[in-house]
Amino acid sequence: MAGRLSVVPTPIGNLADVTLRGLETLRSADVIACEDTRRTRALLSAHGIPAPRLVVCDERQEARRAPELVALAAEGAHVVLVSDAGMPGIADPGRALVARAIEAGIPLTVLPGPSAVEPALVASGLAREGYAFRVWVPRRASERRRFLDEAGRAGLPVVAFESPNRLRATLEELGTLEPPRTLAVARELSKLHEQVLRGTAAEVLEALPEPVRGEIALVFAPLDEADGTAAPEDALAAAAELVEAGVSRRQAAAVVARLTGVPRRDLYDALSRGGGPSRSR
């Protein structure tokens, strides 16, 4: 059979969550590219699959390993890409290898399978017709505050991963924002100590175990009009008044967005197009 690259999602916790097709693909692999050989060996062993050649392809080594793995596929090898948990390329290494394989014309197959994003969204009770995935909450305080503020104003639920070591600081920051925000913290999904906490930042903080451990996904609820979000036309009128008073469009959009919940970018774009009420002097 001609060489190819297969991407196989792996369980996010419970090793029984791997698909039958995923197991079949792992059995047929000549080479498995993985983040941690110990984690991959444990998965293979749990399902009675002899380990083929394992190549470490984590975030530090992917750029160096990708050409080697693509060359193996070009020579006829079946290369299988896995991460420690979930879908490779989604908050995990894999994008560079997939891009190199596509560029080289290597046949590519991506299997569906486990991911923490959708289970967290459904378990949160906040699912709507669509969502935004933002990968990780930023580490720097200023970027984190901006991220948290904009997450509520996205108009859709926002899902992001967070470290257990930073979770309390993130929730404390979220609790200072106005209007108040609600969210869900999904911890250890599919594992023995799975937990989903829902409510305001203060309510979730109070219910958190000490210490916080495990893999964490956050789901931020969008602000609705009932939460105090102003009508877009009223917000634009207020921003236009600030511009008339001499405030820059960028600053006016930022101030009104913070006070009303209307996205800053929408306000700025409308002001740049000359939006807002016309006023005679």
C-alpha atoms as a PDB file:
ATOM      1  CA  MET A   1       0.000   0.000   0.000  1.00  0.00           C
ATOM      2  CA  ALA A   2       1.214   3.511  -0.782  1.00  0.00           C
ATOM      3  CA  GLY A   3       2.549   5.628   2.028  1.00  0.00           C
ATOM      4  CA  ARG A   4       0.157   7.919   3.825  1.00  0.00           C
ATOM      5  CA  LEU A   5      -0.444   9.989   6.945  1.00  0.00           C
ATOM      6  CA  SER A   6      -3.343   9.182   9.270  1.00  0.00           C
ATOM      7  CA  VAL A   7      -4.388  11.447  12.144  1.00  0.00           C
ATOM      8  CA  VAL A   8      -5.958   9.533  15.036  1.00  0.00           C
ATOM      9  CA  PRO A   9      -7.598  11.289  17.998  1.00  0.00           C
ATOM     10  CA  THR A  10      -6.880   9.567  21.304  1.00  0.00           C
ATOM     11  CA  PRO A  11      -9.006   9.372  24.479  1.00  0.00           C
ATOM     12  CA  ILE A  12      -9.022  12.457  26.694  1.00  0.00           C
ATOM     13  CA  GLY A  13      -9.140  10.258  29.788  1.00  0.00           C
ATOM     14  CA  ASN A  14     -10.936   6.930  29.574  1.00  0.00           C
ATOM     15  CA  LEU A  15      -8.887   4.620  27.337  1.00  0.00           C
ATOM     16  CA  ALA A  16     -12.078   2.852  26.214  1.00  0.00           C
ATOM     17  CA  ASP A  17     -13.152   5.979  24.318  1.00  0.00           C
ATOM     18  CA  VAL A  18     -10.922   5.235  21.311  1.00  0.00           C
ATOM     19  CA  THR A  19     -12.879   4.275  18.191  1.00  0.00           C
ATOM     20  CA  LEU A  20     -12.726   0.884  16.475  1.00  0.00           C
ATOM     21  CA  ARG A  21     -11.410   2.569  13.357  1.00  0.00           C
ATOM     22  CA  GLY A  22      -8.777   4.311  15.440  1.00  0.00           C
ATOM     23  CA  LEU A  23      -7.558   0.987  16.824  1.00  0.00           C
ATOM     24  CA  GLU A  24      -7.470  -0.517  13.336  1.00  0.00           C
ATOM     25  CA  THR A  25      -5.401   2.420  12.110  1.00  0.00           C
ATOM     26  CA  LEU A  26      -2.972   2.150  15.011  1.00  0.00           C
ATOM     27  CA  ARG A  27      -2.492  -1.568  14.310  1.00  0.00           C
ATOM     28  CA  SER A  28      -1.606  -0.819  10.684  1.00  0.00           C
ATOM     29  CA  ALA A  29       0.956   1.888  11.498  1.00  0.00           C
ATOM     30  CA  ASP A  30       4.596   1.521  10.496  1.00  0.00           C
ATOM     31  CA  VAL A  31       5.500   4.649  12.475  1.00  0.00           C
ATOM     32  CA  ILE A  32       3.553   6.519  15.142  1.00  0.00           C
ATOM     33  CA  ALA A  33       4.375  10.179  15.720  1.00  0.00           C
ATOM     34  CA  CYS A  34       3.436  11.074  19.280  1.00  0.00           C
ATOM     35  CA  GLU A  35       3.941  13.625  22.040  1.00  0.00           C
ATOM     36  CA  ASP A  36       5.009  11.229  24.798  1.00  0.00           C
ATOM     37  CA  THR A  37       6.047   7.657  24.010  1.00  0.00           C
ATOM     38  CA  ARG A  38       4.983   6.501  27.489  1.00  0.00           C
ATOM     39  CA  ARG A  39       1.407   7.717  27.011  1.00  0.00           C
ATOM     40  CA  THR A  40       1.202   6.192  23.546  1.00  0.00           C
ATOM     41  CA  ARG A  41       2.646   2.861  24.696  1.00  0.00           C
ATOM     42  CA  ALA A  42       0.060   2.762  27.499  1.00  0.00           C
ATOM     43  CA  LEU A  43      -2.773   3.244  24.987  1.00  0.00           C
ATOM     44  CA  LEU A  44      -1.398   0.582  22.655  1.00  0.00           C
ATOM     45  CA  SER A  45      -0.833  -1.848  25.507  1.00  0.00           C
ATOM     46  CA  ALA A  46      -4.373  -1.330  26.850  1.00  0.00           C
ATOM     47  CA  HIS A  47      -5.727  -2.550  23.521  1.00  0.00           C
ATOM     48  CA  GLY A  48      -3.175  -5.297  22.855  1.00  0.00           C
ATOM     49  CA  ILE A  49      -1.438  -3.523  19.984  1.00  0.00           C
ATOM     50  CA  PRO A  50       2.317  -4.151  19.543  1.00  0.00           C
ATOM     51  CA  ALA A  51       4.161  -0.853  19.425  1.00  0.00           C
ATOM     52  CA  PRO A  52       5.754  -0.040  16.062  1.00  0.00           C
ATOM     53  CA  ARG A  53       8.494   2.579  15.756  1.00  0.00           C
ATOM     54  CA  LEU A  54       7.541   5.584  17.911  1.00  0.00           C
ATOM     55  CA  VAL A  55       8.860   9.041  16.994  1.00  0.00           C
ATOM     56  CA  VAL A  56       8.539  11.929  19.437  1.00  0.00           C
ATOM     57  CA  CYS A  57       6.785  14.788  17.669  1.00  0.00           C
ATOM     58  CA  ASP A  58       5.910  17.187  20.484  1.00  0.00           C
ATOM     59  CA  GLU A  59       5.701  20.981  20.295  1.00  0.00           C
ATOM     60  CA  ARG A  60       9.483  21.332  20.657  1.00  0.00           C
ATOM     61  CA  GLN A  61      10.445  18.754  18.041  1.00  0.00           C
ATOM     62  CA  GLU A  62       7.619  18.835  15.493  1.00  0.00           C
ATOM     63  CA  ALA A  63       9.317  21.324  13.148  1.00  0.00           C
ATOM     64  CA  ARG A  64      12.446  19.125  13.051  1.00  0.00           C
ATOM     65  CA  ARG A  65      10.620  15.800  12.823  1.00  0.00           C
ATOM     66  CA  ALA A  66       8.007  16.737  10.208  1.00  0.00           C
ATOM     67  CA  PRO A  67      10.343  16.495   7.170  1.00  0.00           C
ATOM     68  CA  GLU A  68      11.619  13.114   8.355  1.00  0.00           C
ATOM     69  CA  LEU A  69       8.104  11.754   8.843  1.00  0.00           C
ATOM     70  CA  VAL A  70       6.900  13.072   5.485  1.00  0.00           C
ATOM     71  CA  ALA A  71       9.922  11.452   3.816  1.00  0.00           C
ATOM     72  CA  LEU A  72       9.019   8.109   5.427  1.00  0.00           C
ATOM     73  CA  ALA A  73       5.465   8.395   4.093  1.00  0.00           C
ATOM     74  CA  ALA A  74       6.809   9.288   0.650  1.00  0.00           C
ATOM     75  CA  GLU A  75       8.863   6.080   0.751  1.00  0.00           C
ATOM     76  CA  GLY A  76       5.748   4.011   1.426  1.00  0.00           C
ATOM     77  CA  ALA A  77       5.379   4.006   5.231  1.00  0.00           C
ATOM     78  CA  HIS A  78       2.036   4.401   6.972  1.00  0.00           C
ATOM     79  CA  VAL A  79       2.677   7.231   9.431  1.00  0.00           C
ATOM     80  CA  VAL A  80       0.089   7.737  12.178  1.00  0.00           C
ATOM     81  CA  LEU A  81      -0.070  10.968  14.166  1.00  0.00           C
ATOM     82  CA  VAL A  82      -1.478  10.992  17.703  1.00  0.00           C
ATOM     83  CA  SER A  83      -1.338  13.375  20.641  1.00  0.00           C
ATOM     84  CA  ASP A  84      -1.408  12.537  24.324  1.00  0.00           C
ATOM     85  CA  ALA A  85      -5.156  13.200  24.408  1.00  0.00           C
ATOM     86  CA  GLY A  86      -7.714  14.491  21.941  1.00  0.00           C
ATOM     87  CA  MET A  87      -7.325  15.661  18.359  1.00  0.00           C
ATOM     88  CA  PRO A  88      -3.790  16.394  17.077  1.00  0.00           C
ATOM     89  CA  GLY A  89      -3.544  19.933  15.770  1.00  0.00           C
ATOM     90  CA  ILE A  90      -6.249  21.279  18.106  1.00  0.00           C
ATOM     91  CA  ALA A  91      -4.360  22.756  21.080  1.00  0.00           C
ATOM     92  CA  ASP A  92      -1.813  19.992  20.450  1.00  0.00           C
ATOM     93  CA  PRO A  93       1.089  19.462  18.015  1.00  0.00           C
ATOM     94  CA  GLY A  94       0.281  18.266  14.509  1.00  0.00           C
ATOM     95  CA  ARG A  95      -0.423  21.289  12.335  1.00  0.00           C
ATOM     96  CA  ALA A  96       3.113  21.519  10.979  1.00  0.00           C
ATOM     97  CA  LEU A  97       3.262  17.824  10.084  1.00  0.00           C
ATOM     98  CA  VAL A  98      -0.137  17.907   8.372  1.00  0.00           C
ATOM     99  CA  ALA A  99       0.856  21.024   6.409  1.00  0.00           C
ATOM    100  CA  ARG A 100       4.108  19.409   5.227  1.00  0.00           C
ATOM    101  CA  ALA A 101       2.279  16.236   4.197  1.00  0.00           C
ATOM    102  CA  ILE A 102      -0.296  18.188   2.183  1.00  0.00           C
ATOM    103  CA  GLU A 103       2.463  20.225   0.537  1.00  0.00           C
ATOM    104  CA  ALA A 104       4.282  17.011  -0.417  1.00  0.00           C
ATOM    105  CA  GLY A 105       1.130  15.410  -1.835  1.00  0.00           C
ATOM    106  CA  ILE A 106       1.018  12.656   0.805  1.00  0.00           C
ATOM    107  CA  PRO A 107      -2.457  11.059   1.121  1.00  0.00           C
ATOM    108  CA  LEU A 108      -4.027  12.302   4.359  1.00  0.00           C
ATOM    109  CA  THR A 109      -6.810  10.751   6.436  1.00  0.00           C
ATOM    110  CA  VAL A 110      -8.162  12.423   9.597  1.00  0.00           C
ATOM    111  CA  LEU A 111     -10.321  10.222  11.826  1.00  0.00           C
ATOM    112  CA  PRO A 112     -13.102  11.688  13.971  1.00  0.00           C
ATOM    113  CA  GLY A 113     -12.912  11.007  17.646  1.00  0.00           C
ATOM    114  CA  PRO A 114     -12.434  12.291  21.184  1.00  0.00           C
ATOM    115  CA  SER A 115     -12.055  15.987  21.985  1.00  0.00           C
ATOM    116  CA  ALA A 116     -12.637  17.896  25.217  1.00  0.00           C
ATOM    117  CA  VAL A 117     -14.237  20.883  23.466  1.00  0.00           C
ATOM    118  CA  GLU A 118     -17.647  19.479  22.520  1.00  0.00           C
ATOM    119  CA  PRO A 119     -18.228  17.445  25.733  1.00  0.00           C
ATOM    120  CA  ALA A 120     -17.398  20.534  27.816  1.00  0.00           C
ATOM    121  CA  LEU A 121     -19.757  22.695  25.760  1.00  0.00           C
ATOM    122  CA  VAL A 122     -22.687  20.282  26.025  1.00  0.00           C
ATOM    123  CA  ALA A 123     -22.099  19.540  29.725  1.00  0.00           C
ATOM    124  CA  SER A 124     -21.958  23.266  30.485  1.00  0.00           C
ATOM    125  CA  GLY A 125     -25.606  23.703  29.524  1.00  0.00           C
ATOM    126  CA  LEU A 126     -24.569  26.786  27.536  1.00  0.00           C
ATOM    127  CA  ALA A 127     -24.548  25.286  24.029  1.00  0.00           C
ATOM    128  CA  ARG A 128     -26.147  27.310  21.239  1.00  0.00           C
ATOM    129  CA  GLU A 129     -26.119  27.112  17.457  1.00  0.00           C
ATOM    130  CA  GLY A 130     -22.381  27.668  17.169  1.00  0.00           C
ATOM    131  CA  TYR A 131     -19.475  28.400  19.486  1.00  0.00           C
ATOM    132  CA  ALA A 132     -15.992  29.915  19.448  1.00  0.00           C
ATOM    133  CA  PHE A 133     -12.889  27.959  20.472  1.00  0.00           C
ATOM    134  CA  ARG A 134     -10.011  30.102  21.739  1.00  0.00           C
ATOM    135  CA  VAL A 135      -7.558  27.306  22.725  1.00  0.00           C
ATOM    136  CA  TRP A 136      -5.898  28.703  25.913  1.00  0.00           C
ATOM    137  CA  VAL A 137      -6.649  31.571  28.277  1.00  0.00           C
ATOM    138  CA  PRO A 138      -3.659  33.963  27.985  1.00  0.00           C
ATOM    139  CA  ARG A 139      -1.105  33.893  30.788  1.00  0.00           C
ATOM    140  CA  ARG A 140      -0.240  37.614  30.946  1.00  0.00           C
ATOM    141  CA  ALA A 141      -2.599  39.567  33.221  1.00  0.00           C
ATOM    142  CA  SER A 142      -3.429  42.331  30.735  1.00  0.00           C
ATOM    143  CA  GLU A 143      -4.060  39.895  27.879  1.00  0.00           C
ATOM    144  CA  ARG A 144      -6.084  37.629  30.149  1.00  0.00           C
ATOM    145  CA  ARG A 145      -8.385  40.455  31.235  1.00  0.00           C
ATOM    146  CA  ARG A 146      -8.961  41.510  27.634  1.00  0.00           C
ATOM    147  CA  PHE A 147      -9.628  37.897  26.655  1.00  0.00           C
ATOM    148  CA  LEU A 148     -12.150  37.385  29.462  1.00  0.00           C
ATOM    149  CA  ASP A 149     -13.953  40.621  28.683  1.00  0.00           C
ATOM    150  CA  GLU A 150     -14.209  39.854  24.973  1.00  0.00           C
ATOM    151  CA  ALA A 151     -15.237  36.229  25.599  1.00  0.00           C
ATOM    152  CA  GLY A 152     -18.557  37.348  27.062  1.00  0.00           C
ATOM    153  CA  ARG A 153     -19.168  39.745  24.174  1.00  0.00           C
ATOM    154  CA  ALA A 154     -18.588  37.229  21.381  1.00  0.00           C
ATOM    155  CA  GLY A 155     -22.302  36.560  20.945  1.00  0.00           C
ATOM    156  CA  LEU A 156     -21.643  32.817  21.265  1.00  0.00           C
ATOM    157  CA  PRO A 157     -20.346  30.492  23.983  1.00  0.00           C
ATOM    158  CA  VAL A 158     -16.540  30.588  24.104  1.00  0.00           C
ATOM    159  CA  VAL A 159     -14.556  27.465  25.007  1.00  0.00           C
ATOM    160  CA  ALA A 160     -10.927  27.641  26.168  1.00  0.00           C
ATOM    161  CA  PHE A 161      -8.510  25.477  28.104  1.00  0.00           C
ATOM    162  CA  GLU A 162      -6.879  26.590  31.344  1.00  0.00           C
ATOM    163  CA  SER A 163      -4.136  25.322  33.634  1.00  0.00           C
ATOM    164  CA  PRO A 164      -5.191  24.183  37.128  1.00  0.00           C
ATOM    165  CA  ASN A 165      -2.436  26.403  38.524  1.00  0.00           C
ATOM    166  CA  ARG A 166      -3.963  29.526  36.943  1.00  0.00           C
ATOM    167  CA  LEU A 167      -7.661  28.704  37.254  1.00  0.00           C
ATOM    168  CA  ARG A 168      -8.297  30.588  40.502  1.00  0.00           C
ATOM    169  CA  ALA A 169      -6.611  33.735  39.218  1.00  0.00           C
ATOM    170  CA  THR A 170      -8.667  33.554  36.036  1.00  0.00           C
ATOM    171  CA  LEU A 171     -11.934  33.183  37.944  1.00  0.00           C
ATOM    172  CA  GLU A 172     -11.028  36.015  40.322  1.00  0.00           C
ATOM    173  CA  GLU A 173     -10.331  38.263  37.326  1.00  0.00           C
ATOM    174  CA  LEU A 174     -13.600  37.227  35.683  1.00  0.00           C
ATOM    175  CA  GLY A 175     -15.475  38.122  38.863  1.00  0.00           C
ATOM    176  CA  THR A 176     -14.369  41.758  38.611  1.00  0.00           C
ATOM    177  CA  LEU A 177     -15.976  42.317  35.192  1.00  0.00           C
ATOM    178  CA  GLU A 178     -19.252  44.104  34.606  1.00  0.00           C
ATOM    179  CA  PRO A 179     -21.862  43.047  33.720  1.00  0.00           C
ATOM    180  CA  PRO A 180     -21.419  39.836  35.757  1.00  0.00           C
ATOM    181  CA  ARG A 181     -20.435  36.747  33.751  1.00  0.00           C
ATOM    182  CA  THR A 182     -21.444  33.127  34.053  1.00  0.00           C
ATOM    183  CA  LEU A 183     -19.432  30.114  32.987  1.00  0.00           C
ATOM    184  CA  ALA A 184     -18.855  26.425  33.451  1.00  0.00           C
ATOM    185  CA  VAL A 185     -15.632  24.744  34.527  1.00  0.00           C
ATOM    186  CA  ALA A 186     -15.360  21.208  33.147  1.00  0.00           C
ATOM    187  CA  ARG A 187     -12.610  19.263  34.905  1.00  0.00           C
ATOM    188  CA  GLU A 188     -11.248  15.763  34.272  1.00  0.00           C
ATOM    189  CA  LEU A 189     -13.808  14.977  31.567  1.00  0.00           C
ATOM    190  CA  SER A 190     -14.347  11.213  31.033  1.00  0.00           C
ATOM    191  CA  LYS A 191     -12.126  10.386  34.016  1.00  0.00           C
ATOM    192  CA  LEU A 192     -12.953   9.002  37.462  1.00  0.00           C
ATOM    193  CA  HIS A 193     -13.167  12.429  39.135  1.00  0.00           C
ATOM    194  CA  GLU A 194     -15.042  14.254  36.364  1.00  0.00           C
ATOM    195  CA  GLN A 195     -16.633  17.469  37.610  1.00  0.00           C
ATOM    196  CA  VAL A 196     -18.618  20.263  35.941  1.00  0.00           C
ATOM    197  CA  LEU A 197     -19.230  23.440  37.954  1.00  0.00           C
ATOM    198  CA  ARG A 198     -21.675  26.053  36.650  1.00  0.00           C
ATOM    199  CA  GLY A 199     -22.537  29.567  37.803  1.00  0.00           C
ATOM    200  CA  THR A 200     -20.925  32.936  38.374  1.00  0.00           C
ATOM    201  CA  ALA A 201     -17.188  33.210  38.870  1.00  0.00           C
ATOM    202  CA  ALA A 202     -17.716  33.609  42.638  1.00  0.00           C
ATOM    203  CA  GLU A 203     -19.988  30.567  42.832  1.00  0.00           C
ATOM    204  CA  VAL A 204     -17.558  28.398  40.900  1.00  0.00           C
ATOM    205  CA  LEU A 205     -14.616  29.599  43.006  1.00  0.00           C
ATOM    206  CA  GLU A 206     -16.441  28.615  46.172  1.00  0.00           C
ATOM    207  CA  ALA A 207     -17.152  25.122  44.842  1.00  0.00           C
ATOM    208  CA  LEU A 208     -13.652  24.387  43.514  1.00  0.00           C
ATOM    209  CA  PRO A 209     -11.737  21.579  45.212  1.00  0.00           C
ATOM    210  CA  GLU A 210      -8.436  22.335  46.908  1.00  0.00           C
ATOM    211  CA  PRO A 211      -6.002  21.808  45.314  1.00  0.00           C
ATOM    212  CA  VAL A 212      -7.302  22.008  41.761  1.00  0.00           C
ATOM    213  CA  ARG A 213      -6.004  19.172  39.600  1.00  0.00           C
ATOM    214  CA  GLY A 214      -6.542  17.774  36.137  1.00  0.00           C
ATOM    215  CA  GLU A 215      -7.336  18.922  32.619  1.00  0.00           C
ATOM    216  CA  ILE A 216      -9.688  21.914  32.542  1.00  0.00           C
ATOM    217  CA  ALA A 217     -11.984  23.355  29.886  1.00  0.00           C
ATOM    218  CA  LEU A 218     -13.849  26.625  30.472  1.00  0.00           C
ATOM    219  CA  VAL A 219     -17.102  27.567  28.751  1.00  0.00           C
ATOM    220  CA  PHE A 220     -18.014  31.260  28.950  1.00  0.00           C
ATOM    221  CA  ALA A 221     -21.651  32.240  28.510  1.00  0.00           C
ATOM    222  CA  PRO A 222     -22.371  35.081  26.078  1.00  0.00           C
ATOM    223  CA  LEU A 223     -23.824  38.271  27.456  1.00  0.00           C
ATOM    224  CA  ASP A 224     -27.478  38.727  26.532  1.00  0.00           C
ATOM    225  CA  GLU A 225     -29.589  41.866  26.547  1.00  0.00           C
ATOM    226  CA  ALA A 226     -30.947  40.688  29.889  1.00  0.00           C
ATOM    227  CA  ASP A 227     -27.404  40.879  31.238  1.00  0.00           C
ATOM    228  CA  GLY A 228     -27.279  44.590  30.560  1.00  0.00           C
ATOM    229  CA  THR A 229     -25.976  44.663  27.014  1.00  0.00           C
ATOM    230  CA  ALA A 230     -27.031  47.867  25.291  1.00  0.00           C
ATOM    231  CA  ALA A 231     -28.742  47.961  21.929  1.00  0.00           C
ATOM    232  CA  PRO A 232     -26.090  48.368  19.189  1.00  0.00           C
ATOM    233  CA  GLU A 233     -27.634  51.564  17.793  1.00  0.00           C
ATOM    234  CA  ASP A 234     -27.588  53.235  21.221  1.00  0.00           C
ATOM    235  CA  ALA A 235     -23.987  52.204  21.759  1.00  0.00           C
ATOM    236  CA  LEU A 236     -22.982  53.561  18.360  1.00  0.00           C
ATOM    237  CA  ALA A 237     -24.708  56.853  19.096  1.00  0.00           C
ATOM    238  CA  ALA A 238     -22.783  57.154  22.368  1.00  0.00           C
ATOM    239  CA  ALA A 239     -19.476  56.376  20.646  1.00  0.00           C
ATOM    240  CA  ALA A 240     -20.226  58.933  17.926  1.00  0.00           C
ATOM    241  CA  GLU A 241     -20.851  61.602  20.577  1.00  0.00           C
ATOM    242  CA  LEU A 242     -17.473  60.888  22.108  1.00  0.00           C
ATOM    243  CA  VAL A 243     -15.816  61.232  18.703  1.00  0.00           C
ATOM    244  CA  GLU A 244     -17.578  64.581  18.173  1.00  0.00           C
ATOM    245  CA  ALA A 245     -16.195  65.683  21.529  1.00  0.00           C
ATOM    246  CA  GLY A 246     -12.656  64.994  20.321  1.00  0.00           C
ATOM    247  CA  VAL A 247     -12.046  61.414  21.490  1.00  0.00           C
ATOM    248  CA  SER A 248     -10.340  59.150  18.941  1.00  0.00           C
ATOM    249  CA  ARG A 249     -12.509  56.534  17.247  1.00  0.00           C
ATOM    250  CA  ARG A 250     -10.414  53.731  18.727  1.00  0.00           C
ATOM    251  CA  GLN A 251     -10.691  55.042  22.278  1.00  0.00           C
ATOM    252  CA  ALA A 252     -14.389  55.853  21.917  1.00  0.00           C
ATOM    253  CA  ALA A 253     -15.112  52.321  20.674  1.00  0.00           C
ATOM    254  CA  ALA A 254     -13.133  50.789  23.540  1.00  0.00           C
ATOM    255  CA  VAL A 255     -14.875  52.877  26.232  1.00  0.00           C
ATOM    256  CA  VAL A 256     -18.408  52.266  24.951  1.00  0.00           C
ATOM    257  CA  ALA A 257     -17.747  48.577  24.364  1.00  0.00           C
ATOM    258  CA  ARG A 258     -16.597  48.172  27.947  1.00  0.00           C
ATOM    259  CA  LEU A 259     -19.706  49.904  29.280  1.00  0.00           C
ATOM    260  CA  THR A 260     -22.345  48.405  26.985  1.00  0.00           C
ATOM    261  CA  GLY A 261     -21.204  44.971  25.884  1.00  0.00           C
ATOM    262  CA  VAL A 262     -21.312  45.783  22.168  1.00  0.00           C
ATOM    263  CA  PRO A 263     -18.155  44.409  20.483  1.00  0.00           C
ATOM    264  CA  ARG A 264     -15.417  47.042  20.226  1.00  0.00           C
ATOM    265  CA  ARG A 265     -14.542  46.009  16.686  1.00  0.00           C
ATOM    266  CA  ASP A 266     -18.140  46.494  15.517  1.00  0.00           C
ATOM    267  CA  LEU A 267     -18.240  49.989  16.999  1.00  0.00           C
ATOM    268  CA  TYR A 268     -14.876  50.964  15.565  1.00  0.00           C
ATOM    269  CA  ASP A 269     -15.762  49.694  12.101  1.00  0.00           C
ATOM    270  CA  ALA A 270     -19.073  51.581  12.156  1.00  0.00           C
ATOM    271  CA  LEU A 271     -17.368  54.790  13.285  1.00  0.00           C
ATOM    272  CA  SER A 272     -14.760  54.398  10.550  1.00  0.00           C
ATOM    273  CA  ARG A 273     -17.558  54.157   7.982  1.00  0.00           C
ATOM    274  CA  GLY A 274     -19.044  57.366   9.305  1.00  0.00           C
ATOM    275  CA  GLY A 275     -21.727  55.653  11.356  1.00  0.00           C
ATOM    276  CA  GLY A 276     -23.686  57.304  14.115  1.00  0.00           C
ATOM    277  CA  PRO A 277     -26.235  60.096  14.159  1.00  0.00           C
ATOM    278  CA  SER A 278     -25.558  63.236  12.183  1.00  0.00           C
ATOM    279  CA  ARG A 279     -25.782  66.403  14.240  1.00  0.00           C
ATOM    280  CA  SER A 280     -26.123  70.013  13.149  1.00  0.00           C
ATOM    281  CA  ARG A 281     -24.064  72.637  14.864  1.00  0.00           C
END
